[in-house]
Amino acid sequence: MRMLKAIPEAMRMLKAIQEAMTMLKAIHETMTMLKAIQETKTMLKAIQETMTMLKAIQETMTMLKAIQETMTMLKAIRETMRMLKAIRETMRMLKAIQRQ
């Protein structure tokens, strides 16, 4: 007779254990999701750092292009100076010829 009375109590305990297991499973799934979110945040931070580095590289490339353009201009100035020197020499020669 005692055994029959104990069955409903055992059933309630089993149901409570089952509910506790369901809650633990939900907590585990939540923890897994939180870990995935944390990993995603870490990845996003790494992507942001990469973007910052790429922006710095792009700015460096722009500066290098400006330097290259400056070098081209300096080369053109040097050639102009050579031409002016040649014109000056030609003028001297013409003056020397004119004096004769």
C-alpha atoms as a PDB file:
ATOM      1  CA  MET A   1       0.000   0.000   0.000  1.00  0.00           C
ATOM      2  CA  ARG A   2       2.833   2.373   0.814  1.00  0.00           C
ATOM      3  CA  MET A   3       4.332   1.679  -2.571  1.00  0.00           C
ATOM      4  CA  LEU A   4       1.130   2.790  -4.284  1.00  0.00           C
ATOM      5  CA  LYS A   5       1.114   6.058  -2.312  1.00  0.00           C
ATOM      6  CA  ALA A   6       4.763   6.663  -3.185  1.00  0.00           C
ATOM      7  CA  ILE A   7       4.179   6.347  -6.948  1.00  0.00           C
ATOM      8  CA  PRO A   8       2.478   9.790  -7.407  1.00  0.00           C
ATOM      9  CA  GLU A   9       5.244  11.435  -5.362  1.00  0.00           C
ATOM     10  CA  ALA A  10       7.881   9.685  -7.463  1.00  0.00           C
ATOM     11  CA  MET A  11       6.083  10.801 -10.619  1.00  0.00           C
ATOM     12  CA  ARG A  12       6.096  14.432  -9.398  1.00  0.00           C
ATOM     13  CA  MET A  13       9.796  14.157  -8.629  1.00  0.00           C
ATOM     14  CA  LEU A  14      10.508  12.704 -12.074  1.00  0.00           C
ATOM     15  CA  LYS A  15       8.517  15.524 -13.683  1.00  0.00           C
ATOM     16  CA  ALA A  16      10.494  18.097 -11.648  1.00  0.00           C
ATOM     17  CA  ILE A  17      13.765  16.441 -12.685  1.00  0.00           C
ATOM     18  CA  GLN A  18      12.616  16.482 -16.307  1.00  0.00           C
ATOM     19  CA  GLU A  19      11.788  20.188 -16.072  1.00  0.00           C
ATOM     20  CA  ALA A  20      15.171  20.860 -14.452  1.00  0.00           C
ATOM     21  CA  MET A  21      16.884  18.969 -17.296  1.00  0.00           C
ATOM     22  CA  THR A  22      14.952  21.039 -19.849  1.00  0.00           C
ATOM     23  CA  MET A  23      16.058  24.236 -18.080  1.00  0.00           C
ATOM     24  CA  LEU A  24      19.686  23.040 -17.978  1.00  0.00           C
ATOM     25  CA  LYS A  25      19.518  22.247 -21.694  1.00  0.00           C
ATOM     26  CA  ALA A  26      18.149  25.752 -22.386  1.00  0.00           C
ATOM     27  CA  ILE A  27      20.914  27.286 -20.227  1.00  0.00           C
ATOM     28  CA  HIS A  28      23.518  25.255 -22.125  1.00  0.00           C
ATOM     29  CA  GLU A  29      22.103  26.437 -25.478  1.00  0.00           C
ATOM     30  CA  THR A  30      22.114  30.020 -24.219  1.00  0.00           C
ATOM     31  CA  MET A  31      25.749  29.690 -23.119  1.00  0.00           C
ATOM     32  CA  THR A  32      26.648  28.270 -26.538  1.00  0.00           C
ATOM     33  CA  MET A  33      24.913  31.213 -28.214  1.00  0.00           C
ATOM     34  CA  LEU A  34      26.696  33.700 -25.933  1.00  0.00           C
ATOM     35  CA  LYS A  35      30.039  32.080 -26.773  1.00  0.00           C
ATOM     36  CA  ALA A  36      29.234  32.361 -30.490  1.00  0.00           C
ATOM     37  CA  ILE A  37      28.285  36.022 -30.004  1.00  0.00           C
ATOM     38  CA  GLN A  38      31.567  36.659 -28.189  1.00  0.00           C
ATOM     39  CA  GLU A  39      33.518  34.990 -31.007  1.00  0.00           C
ATOM     40  CA  THR A  40      31.601  37.088 -33.541  1.00  0.00           C
ATOM     41  CA  LYS A  41      32.471  40.252 -31.597  1.00  0.00           C
ATOM     42  CA  THR A  42      36.133  39.208 -31.608  1.00  0.00           C
ATOM     43  CA  MET A  43      35.983  38.620 -35.365  1.00  0.00           C
ATOM     44  CA  LEU A  44      34.276  41.977 -35.939  1.00  0.00           C
ATOM     45  CA  LYS A  45      36.980  43.695 -33.884  1.00  0.00           C
ATOM     46  CA  ALA A  46      39.650  41.984 -35.992  1.00  0.00           C
ATOM     47  CA  ILE A  47      37.848  43.066 -39.169  1.00  0.00           C
ATOM     48  CA  GLN A  48      37.671  46.631 -37.855  1.00  0.00           C
ATOM     49  CA  GLU A  49      41.415  46.581 -37.109  1.00  0.00           C
ATOM     50  CA  THR A  50      42.063  45.220 -40.599  1.00  0.00           C
ATOM     51  CA  MET A  51      39.950  48.014 -42.096  1.00  0.00           C
ATOM     52  CA  THR A  52      41.955  50.573 -40.114  1.00  0.00           C
ATOM     53  CA  MET A  53      45.178  49.052 -41.405  1.00  0.00           C
ATOM     54  CA  LEU A  54      43.851  49.050 -44.980  1.00  0.00           C
ATOM     55  CA  LYS A  55      42.882  52.716 -44.609  1.00  0.00           C
ATOM     56  CA  ALA A  56      46.416  53.488 -43.399  1.00  0.00           C
ATOM     57  CA  ILE A  57      47.865  51.566 -46.360  1.00  0.00           C
ATOM     58  CA  GLN A  58      45.593  53.515 -48.711  1.00  0.00           C
ATOM     59  CA  GLU A  59      46.757  56.805 -47.186  1.00  0.00           C
ATOM     60  CA  THR A  60      50.372  55.647 -47.551  1.00  0.00           C
ATOM     61  CA  MET A  61      49.721  54.795 -51.202  1.00  0.00           C
ATOM     62  CA  THR A  62      48.256  58.269 -51.732  1.00  0.00           C
ATOM     63  CA  MET A  63      51.341  59.816 -50.131  1.00  0.00           C
ATOM     64  CA  LEU A  64      53.641  57.658 -52.286  1.00  0.00           C
ATOM     65  CA  LYS A  65      51.724  58.731 -55.398  1.00  0.00           C
ATOM     66  CA  ALA A  66      52.172  62.377 -54.368  1.00  0.00           C
ATOM     67  CA  ILE A  67      55.901  61.750 -53.829  1.00  0.00           C
ATOM     68  CA  GLN A  68      56.111  60.115 -57.249  1.00  0.00           C
ATOM     69  CA  GLU A  69      54.373  63.105 -58.840  1.00  0.00           C
ATOM     70  CA  THR A  70      56.787  65.431 -57.010  1.00  0.00           C
ATOM     71  CA  MET A  71      59.725  63.401 -58.321  1.00  0.00           C
ATOM     72  CA  THR A  72      58.325  63.686 -61.857  1.00  0.00           C
ATOM     73  CA  MET A  73      57.981  67.444 -61.420  1.00  0.00           C
ATOM     74  CA  LEU A  74      61.559  67.690 -60.089  1.00  0.00           C
ATOM     75  CA  LYS A  75      62.784  65.708 -63.080  1.00  0.00           C
ATOM     76  CA  ALA A  76      60.929  68.106 -65.407  1.00  0.00           C
ATOM     77  CA  ILE A  77      62.464  71.075 -63.559  1.00  0.00           C
ATOM     78  CA  ARG A  78      65.936  69.521 -63.916  1.00  0.00           C
ATOM     79  CA  GLU A  79      65.378  69.054 -67.662  1.00  0.00           C
ATOM     80  CA  THR A  80      64.148  72.650 -67.921  1.00  0.00           C
ATOM     81  CA  MET A  81      67.290  73.819 -66.119  1.00  0.00           C
ATOM     82  CA  ARG A  82      69.433  71.851 -68.605  1.00  0.00           C
ATOM     83  CA  MET A  83      67.555  73.429 -71.477  1.00  0.00           C
ATOM     84  CA  LEU A  84      68.035  76.907 -69.969  1.00  0.00           C
ATOM     85  CA  LYS A  85      71.743  76.176 -69.554  1.00  0.00           C
ATOM     86  CA  ALA A  86      71.922  75.072 -73.188  1.00  0.00           C
ATOM     87  CA  ILE A  87      70.104  78.260 -74.270  1.00  0.00           C
ATOM     88  CA  ARG A  88      72.550  80.325 -72.209  1.00  0.00           C
ATOM     89  CA  GLU A  89      75.484  78.560 -73.897  1.00  0.00           C
ATOM     90  CA  THR A  90      73.901  79.151 -77.285  1.00  0.00           C
ATOM     91  CA  MET A  91      73.436  82.843 -76.468  1.00  0.00           C
ATOM     92  CA  ARG A  92      77.136  83.105 -75.471  1.00  0.00           C
ATOM     93  CA  MET A  93      78.139  81.431 -78.702  1.00  0.00           C
ATOM     94  CA  LEU A  94      75.919  83.787 -80.710  1.00  0.00           C
ATOM     95  CA  LYS A  95      77.421  86.817 -78.921  1.00  0.00           C
ATOM     96  CA  ALA A  96      80.920  85.480 -79.598  1.00  0.00           C
ATOM     97  CA  ILE A  97      80.084  85.035 -83.282  1.00  0.00           C
ATOM     98  CA  GLN A  98      78.516  88.497 -83.393  1.00  0.00           C
ATOM     99  CA  ARG A  99      81.693  90.071 -81.986  1.00  0.00           C
ATOM    100  CA  GLN A 100      83.851  88.588 -84.720  1.00  0.00           C
END
